[in-house]
Amino acid sequence: MGDKRPTTTTGSPGAAQPAGIEIVGLTKRFLTPKGETFTAIHDVTLTVEPGQFCAIVGPTGCGKSTTLAQVSGLERPSAGSVSVGGRIVEGITSGVSYMFQADSLFPWKTVLGNVMIGPVLVGTPKKQAEALAMDWLRRVGLAGFEDRYPHQLSGGMRKRVAMAAALINNPRILLMDEPFGALDVQTKAIMQTELLGLWEELRPSVLFITHDLDEAVALSDRVVIMTSSPGTVKDVFDVDLPRPRGDVQEIRHEERFLEIQGRIWESLRDEVTRAYQQTAGAAA
């Protein structure tokens, strides 16, 4: 994904309790450049409990990102509804932070300037916003880097900045669209472990999009499998690994982790195969 939009952060710092997400019969259709109707998702129904970490996994093009866009209020559904905290989403959802696969940082702003954006947008005085941002940079291991610019940081460091920017306003809901997909394996594991630690502190409700089944199981309380296009919910699996989970690399070797991962893969494999066959057929 080449998305360059900034991390969206709304709501007031330190205030809101986590909110549940209720998606009922959600359908989204688009018009193609040829004027034809394309259905991205169809009749998606799922629930995320307050404070729950929920991952959505499915083949490429199944509508995972489209589902997130409906929850955030960035897009309106063609049919069905999304409720957050018991209220129907009819515009930009209050108390939501959005973390994209791309770094989504302003290149002309310093690390401190990027992390400050959320508090400033909700009216926090500049000095207070600076202090809050400095605290978050310390929490993500970037104390001393506040005057650097994004191009002066490694990929993992830029993700830390993006994560601080997403969490600084203490969101009720955290939407994450393959946030670690572009990282190397080692850095990705470090970032996953850091995310778990920060999430344990704040406990927002999380919808986490990923193609990585191991990542979904290691991080989540619940894993939702979506079908190939048009996407809908095929299966929902509860992940009963104990919390706090600690080091993600160690979790992946546990017997219970392997059992859960194997069961979910049985469901996911058919959809991945079907999506590949559809793509191969279209290319032919």
Protein backbone atom coordinates (compact mmCIF):
# COMPACT_ATOMS: atom_id res chain seq x y z
CA MET A 1 0.00 0.00 0.00
CA GLY A 2 1.46 3.37 -0.92
CA ASP A 3 -0.82 5.35 1.39
CA LYS A 4 0.73 8.65 2.46
CA ARG A 5 -2.12 9.89 4.61
CA PRO A 6 -1.17 11.00 8.11
CA THR A 7 -2.10 9.00 11.15
CA THR A 8 -5.61 10.09 12.11
CA THR A 9 -5.98 10.82 15.79
CA THR A 10 -9.11 12.28 17.35
CA GLY A 11 -10.46 12.47 20.86
CA SER A 12 -9.06 13.92 24.08
CA PRO A 13 -5.87 12.71 25.75
CA GLY A 14 -6.14 10.43 28.73
CA ALA A 15 -9.93 10.43 28.80
CA ALA A 16 -11.92 7.84 26.92
CA GLN A 17 -12.65 4.28 27.93
CA PRO A 18 -12.31 1.59 25.25
CA ALA A 19 -15.38 1.23 23.06
CA GLY A 20 -16.90 -1.87 21.52
CA ILE A 21 -17.29 -2.17 17.75
CA GLU A 22 -20.43 -3.73 16.27
CA ILE A 23 -20.48 -4.39 12.52
CA VAL A 24 -23.77 -5.69 11.13
CA GLY A 25 -24.48 -6.69 7.53
CA LEU A 26 -21.79 -4.34 6.22
CA THR A 27 -21.56 -4.07 2.43
CA LYS A 28 -19.46 -1.67 0.37
CA ARG A 29 -19.71 -1.21 -3.38
CA PHE A 30 -17.56 0.95 -5.66
CA LEU A 31 -17.84 2.08 -9.25
CA THR A 32 -14.92 0.93 -11.40
CA PRO A 33 -13.33 3.27 -14.00
CA LYS A 34 -15.52 1.47 -16.56
CA GLY A 35 -18.66 2.39 -14.63
CA GLU A 36 -19.28 -1.14 -13.39
CA THR A 37 -20.25 -1.93 -9.80
CA PHE A 38 -17.64 -3.74 -7.75
CA THR A 39 -18.54 -5.24 -4.36
CA ALA A 40 -15.54 -5.10 -2.05
CA ILE A 41 -17.21 -6.56 1.06
CA HIS A 42 -20.60 -8.20 1.46
CA ASP A 43 -22.69 -8.73 4.59
CA VAL A 44 -19.78 -8.48 7.03
CA THR A 45 -20.89 -9.02 10.62
CA LEU A 46 -18.50 -9.08 13.58
CA THR A 47 -18.11 -7.78 17.12
CA VAL A 48 -15.06 -6.43 18.92
CA GLU A 49 -15.57 -6.21 22.67
CA PRO A 50 -14.31 -3.13 24.57
CA GLY A 51 -10.56 -3.47 25.13
CA GLN A 52 -10.28 -6.52 22.86
CA PHE A 53 -7.47 -7.04 20.35
CA CYS A 54 -9.01 -8.42 17.15
CA ALA A 55 -7.05 -9.32 14.02
CA ILE A 56 -8.58 -9.67 10.55
CA VAL A 57 -6.80 -12.04 8.18
CA GLY A 58 -7.65 -12.90 4.60
CA PRO A 59 -6.30 -13.08 1.07
CA THR A 60 -5.24 -9.99 -0.83
CA GLY A 61 -8.22 -8.01 -2.10
CA CYS A 62 -10.77 -9.45 0.34
CA GLY A 63 -11.77 -6.05 1.74
CA LYS A 64 -9.87 -5.95 5.03
CA SER A 65 -8.80 -2.32 4.60
CA THR A 66 -12.26 -1.40 3.32
CA THR A 67 -13.74 -2.72 6.55
CA LEU A 68 -11.39 -0.54 8.60
CA ALA A 69 -12.35 2.51 6.55
CA GLN A 70 -16.03 1.97 7.45
CA VAL A 71 -15.21 1.74 11.18
CA SER A 72 -13.17 4.96 11.07
CA GLY A 73 -15.93 6.81 9.23
CA LEU A 74 -13.59 7.70 6.36
CA GLU A 75 -16.03 5.87 4.07
CA ARG A 76 -19.77 5.29 4.24
CA PRO A 77 -21.28 1.83 3.84
CA SER A 78 -23.46 0.89 0.89
CA ALA A 79 -25.53 -1.27 3.22
CA GLY A 80 -25.44 -2.40 6.83
CA SER A 81 -24.07 -0.47 9.79
CA VAL A 82 -21.10 0.10 12.07
CA SER A 83 -21.56 1.11 15.71
CA VAL A 84 -18.82 2.29 18.05
CA GLY A 85 -19.63 2.48 21.73
CA GLY A 86 -23.29 1.87 20.90
CA ARG A 87 -23.52 4.76 18.42
CA ILE A 88 -23.93 4.39 14.67
CA VAL A 89 -20.90 5.68 12.75
CA GLU A 90 -22.08 8.49 10.47
CA GLY A 91 -18.86 10.49 10.10
CA ILE A 92 -15.30 10.51 11.41
CA THR A 93 -15.40 8.37 14.55
CA SER A 94 -14.43 10.14 17.75
CA GLY A 95 -11.58 8.71 19.81
CA VAL A 96 -10.03 6.69 16.97
CA SER A 97 -6.38 6.43 15.92
CA TYR A 98 -5.39 4.97 12.56
CA MET A 99 -1.97 3.48 11.83
CA PHE A 100 -1.21 2.62 8.20
CA GLN A 101 1.32 0.32 6.59
CA ALA A 102 3.19 3.34 5.20
CA ASP A 103 4.99 5.46 7.78
CA SER A 104 2.43 8.27 7.31
CA LEU A 105 4.71 10.86 8.90
CA PHE A 106 5.07 14.44 7.78
CA PRO A 107 8.59 14.56 6.29
CA TRP A 108 8.99 18.29 6.99
CA LYS A 109 8.28 17.88 10.71
CA THR A 110 10.67 16.61 13.34
CA VAL A 111 9.99 13.47 15.31
CA LEU A 112 8.66 15.62 18.15
CA GLY A 113 6.51 17.64 15.74
CA ASN A 114 4.95 14.50 14.29
CA VAL A 115 4.07 13.04 17.69
CA MET A 116 2.64 16.35 18.92
CA ILE A 117 0.09 16.58 16.12
CA GLY A 118 -2.64 14.61 17.88
CA PRO A 119 -2.73 16.62 21.12
CA VAL A 120 -2.43 19.92 19.25
CA LEU A 121 -5.38 19.05 17.00
CA VAL A 122 -7.62 18.49 20.02
CA GLY A 123 -6.63 21.79 21.61
CA THR A 124 -3.87 20.82 24.03
CA PRO A 125 -1.62 23.84 24.82
CA LYS A 126 1.71 23.65 22.97
CA LYS A 127 3.94 23.23 26.02
CA GLN A 128 1.71 20.51 27.42
CA ALA A 129 1.63 18.77 24.02
CA GLU A 130 5.44 18.91 23.86
CA ALA A 131 5.77 17.38 27.31
CA LEU A 132 3.29 14.65 26.44
CA ALA A 133 5.09 13.91 23.16
CA MET A 134 8.48 13.76 24.92
CA ASP A 135 7.02 11.25 27.39
CA TRP A 136 5.73 9.09 24.55
CA LEU A 137 9.07 9.23 22.75
CA ARG A 138 10.66 7.94 25.92
CA ARG A 139 8.08 5.15 26.14
CA VAL A 140 8.83 3.98 22.59
CA GLY A 141 12.59 4.19 23.06
CA LEU A 142 13.25 7.38 21.06
CA ALA A 143 14.35 9.80 23.78
CA GLY A 144 17.13 11.90 22.26
CA PHE A 145 15.76 11.63 18.72
CA GLU A 146 13.10 14.34 19.04
CA ASP A 147 14.94 16.77 16.72
CA ARG A 148 15.50 14.24 13.92
CA TYR A 149 13.44 14.12 10.74
CA PRO A 150 11.77 10.95 9.41
CA HIS A 151 14.33 10.45 6.62
CA GLN A 152 17.08 10.32 9.26
CA LEU A 153 15.52 7.31 11.01
CA SER A 154 15.52 3.58 10.32
CA GLY A 155 12.30 1.84 9.31
CA GLY A 156 11.78 0.49 12.82
CA MET A 157 12.36 3.90 14.37
CA ARG A 158 9.83 5.49 12.03
CA LYS A 159 7.30 2.85 13.13
CA ARG A 160 7.98 3.79 16.75
CA VAL A 161 7.22 7.42 15.90
CA ALA A 162 4.00 6.39 14.13
CA MET A 163 3.00 4.23 17.09
CA ALA A 164 3.60 7.05 19.56
CA ALA A 165 1.55 9.39 17.35
CA ALA A 166 -1.27 6.83 17.21
CA LEU A 167 -1.37 6.22 20.97
CA ILE A 168 -0.60 9.65 22.44
CA ASN A 169 -4.27 10.69 22.62
CA ASN A 170 -5.18 7.48 24.48
CA PRO A 171 -7.67 6.36 21.81
CA ARG A 172 -10.76 4.31 22.52
CA ILE A 173 -10.14 2.44 19.28
CA LEU A 174 -6.91 1.71 17.45
CA LEU A 175 -7.18 0.76 13.77
CA MET A 176 -4.00 -0.78 12.35
CA ASP A 177 -3.68 -1.61 8.66
CA GLU A 178 -0.66 -3.90 8.24
CA PRO A 179 1.48 -1.49 10.27
CA PHE A 180 4.54 -3.77 10.35
CA GLY A 181 4.20 -5.33 6.89
CA ALA A 182 7.18 -3.51 5.37
CA LEU A 183 9.65 -4.33 8.18
CA ASP A 184 12.29 -7.05 8.19
CA VAL A 185 11.53 -10.13 10.29
CA GLN A 186 13.70 -9.17 13.28
CA THR A 187 12.48 -5.57 13.50
CA LYS A 188 8.91 -6.72 13.01
CA ALA A 189 9.14 -9.07 16.02
CA ILE A 190 10.54 -6.27 18.19
CA MET A 191 7.76 -3.90 17.15
CA GLN A 192 5.08 -6.53 17.80
CA THR A 193 6.40 -7.07 21.32
CA GLU A 194 6.53 -3.31 21.95
CA LEU A 195 2.98 -2.89 20.67
CA LEU A 196 1.73 -5.58 23.05
CA GLY A 197 3.39 -3.83 25.99
CA LEU A 198 1.87 -0.45 25.13
CA TRP A 199 -1.54 -1.96 24.44
CA GLU A 200 -1.48 -3.68 27.84
CA GLU A 201 -1.08 -0.24 29.45
CA LEU A 202 -3.89 1.55 27.56
CA ARG A 203 -6.18 -1.31 26.44
CA PRO A 204 -7.96 0.36 23.52
CA SER A 205 -10.14 -1.83 21.32
CA VAL A 206 -7.97 -2.86 18.35
CA LEU A 207 -8.80 -3.91 14.81
CA PHE A 208 -5.54 -5.14 13.30
CA ILE A 209 -5.24 -6.02 9.60
CA THR A 210 -2.48 -8.43 8.61
CA HIS A 211 -1.49 -11.04 6.04
CA ASP A 212 0.74 -12.71 8.63
CA LEU A 213 -1.15 -15.45 10.47
CA ASP A 214 1.61 -15.88 13.08
CA GLU A 215 1.38 -12.16 13.83
CA ALA A 216 -2.41 -12.35 14.17
CA VAL A 217 -2.28 -15.24 16.65
CA ALA A 218 0.60 -13.83 18.70
CA LEU A 219 -1.05 -10.44 19.21
CA SER A 220 -4.79 -11.07 19.29
CA ASP A 221 -7.63 -12.20 21.51
CA ARG A 222 -9.69 -13.01 18.43
CA VAL A 223 -8.84 -13.75 14.79
CA VAL A 224 -11.41 -13.15 12.05
CA ILE A 225 -10.99 -14.93 8.71
CA MET A 226 -12.40 -13.19 5.65
CA THR A 227 -13.26 -14.90 2.39
CA SER A 228 -11.83 -14.08 -1.01
CA SER A 229 -13.52 -11.22 -2.87
CA PRO A 230 -16.16 -10.11 -2.19
CA GLY A 231 -15.04 -10.38 1.41
CA THR A 232 -17.26 -11.58 4.19
CA VAL A 233 -16.62 -13.23 7.54
CA LYS A 234 -15.91 -16.94 7.16
CA ASP A 235 -14.73 -17.92 10.66
CA VAL A 236 -13.94 -16.36 14.01
CA PHE A 237 -11.37 -17.95 16.33
CA ASP A 238 -10.77 -17.04 19.97
CA VAL A 239 -7.09 -17.07 20.98
CA ASP A 240 -6.77 -18.28 24.58
CA LEU A 241 -3.05 -17.64 25.02
CA PRO A 242 -2.50 -16.05 28.46
CA ARG A 243 -1.72 -12.35 28.89
CA PRO A 244 0.61 -10.60 29.27
CA ARG A 245 2.28 -12.53 26.46
CA GLY A 246 5.79 -11.12 26.57
CA ASP A 247 8.26 -11.78 23.75
CA VAL A 248 6.49 -12.56 20.47
CA GLN A 249 9.39 -14.68 19.23
CA GLU A 250 9.06 -16.99 22.23
CA ILE A 251 5.26 -17.25 21.95
CA ARG A 252 5.57 -18.71 18.45
CA HIS A 253 7.32 -21.81 19.75
CA GLU A 254 4.70 -22.68 22.36
CA GLU A 255 2.62 -25.80 21.77
CA ARG A 256 -0.72 -24.01 22.29
CA PHE A 257 0.28 -21.31 19.79
CA LEU A 258 1.04 -23.94 17.15
CA GLU A 259 -2.29 -25.70 17.79
CA ILE A 260 -4.29 -22.48 17.35
CA GLN A 261 -2.28 -21.38 14.32
CA GLY A 262 -2.85 -24.77 12.67
CA ARG A 263 -6.63 -24.63 13.17
CA ILE A 264 -6.87 -21.12 11.75
CA TRP A 265 -4.66 -21.98 8.77
CA GLU A 266 -7.04 -24.80 7.82
CA SER A 267 -9.75 -22.19 7.34
CA LEU A 268 -7.53 -19.53 5.77
CA ARG A 269 -5.76 -21.82 3.31
CA ASP A 270 -8.88 -22.43 1.20
CA GLU A 271 -9.49 -18.69 0.81
CA VAL A 272 -5.88 -17.95 -0.11
CA THR A 273 -5.96 -20.72 -2.71
CA ARG A 274 -9.28 -19.50 -4.13
CA ALA A 275 -8.02 -15.91 -4.37
CA TYR A 276 -4.84 -17.06 -6.13
CA GLN A 277 -6.85 -19.06 -8.63
CA GLN A 278 -9.12 -16.08 -9.34
CA THR A 279 -6.12 -13.83 -9.92
CA ALA A 280 -4.35 -16.40 -12.08
CA GLY A 281 -7.51 -16.89 -14.13
CA ALA A 282 -7.95 -13.15 -14.66
CA ALA A 283 -4.32 -12.80 -15.72
CA ALA A 284 -4.70 -15.61 -18.24
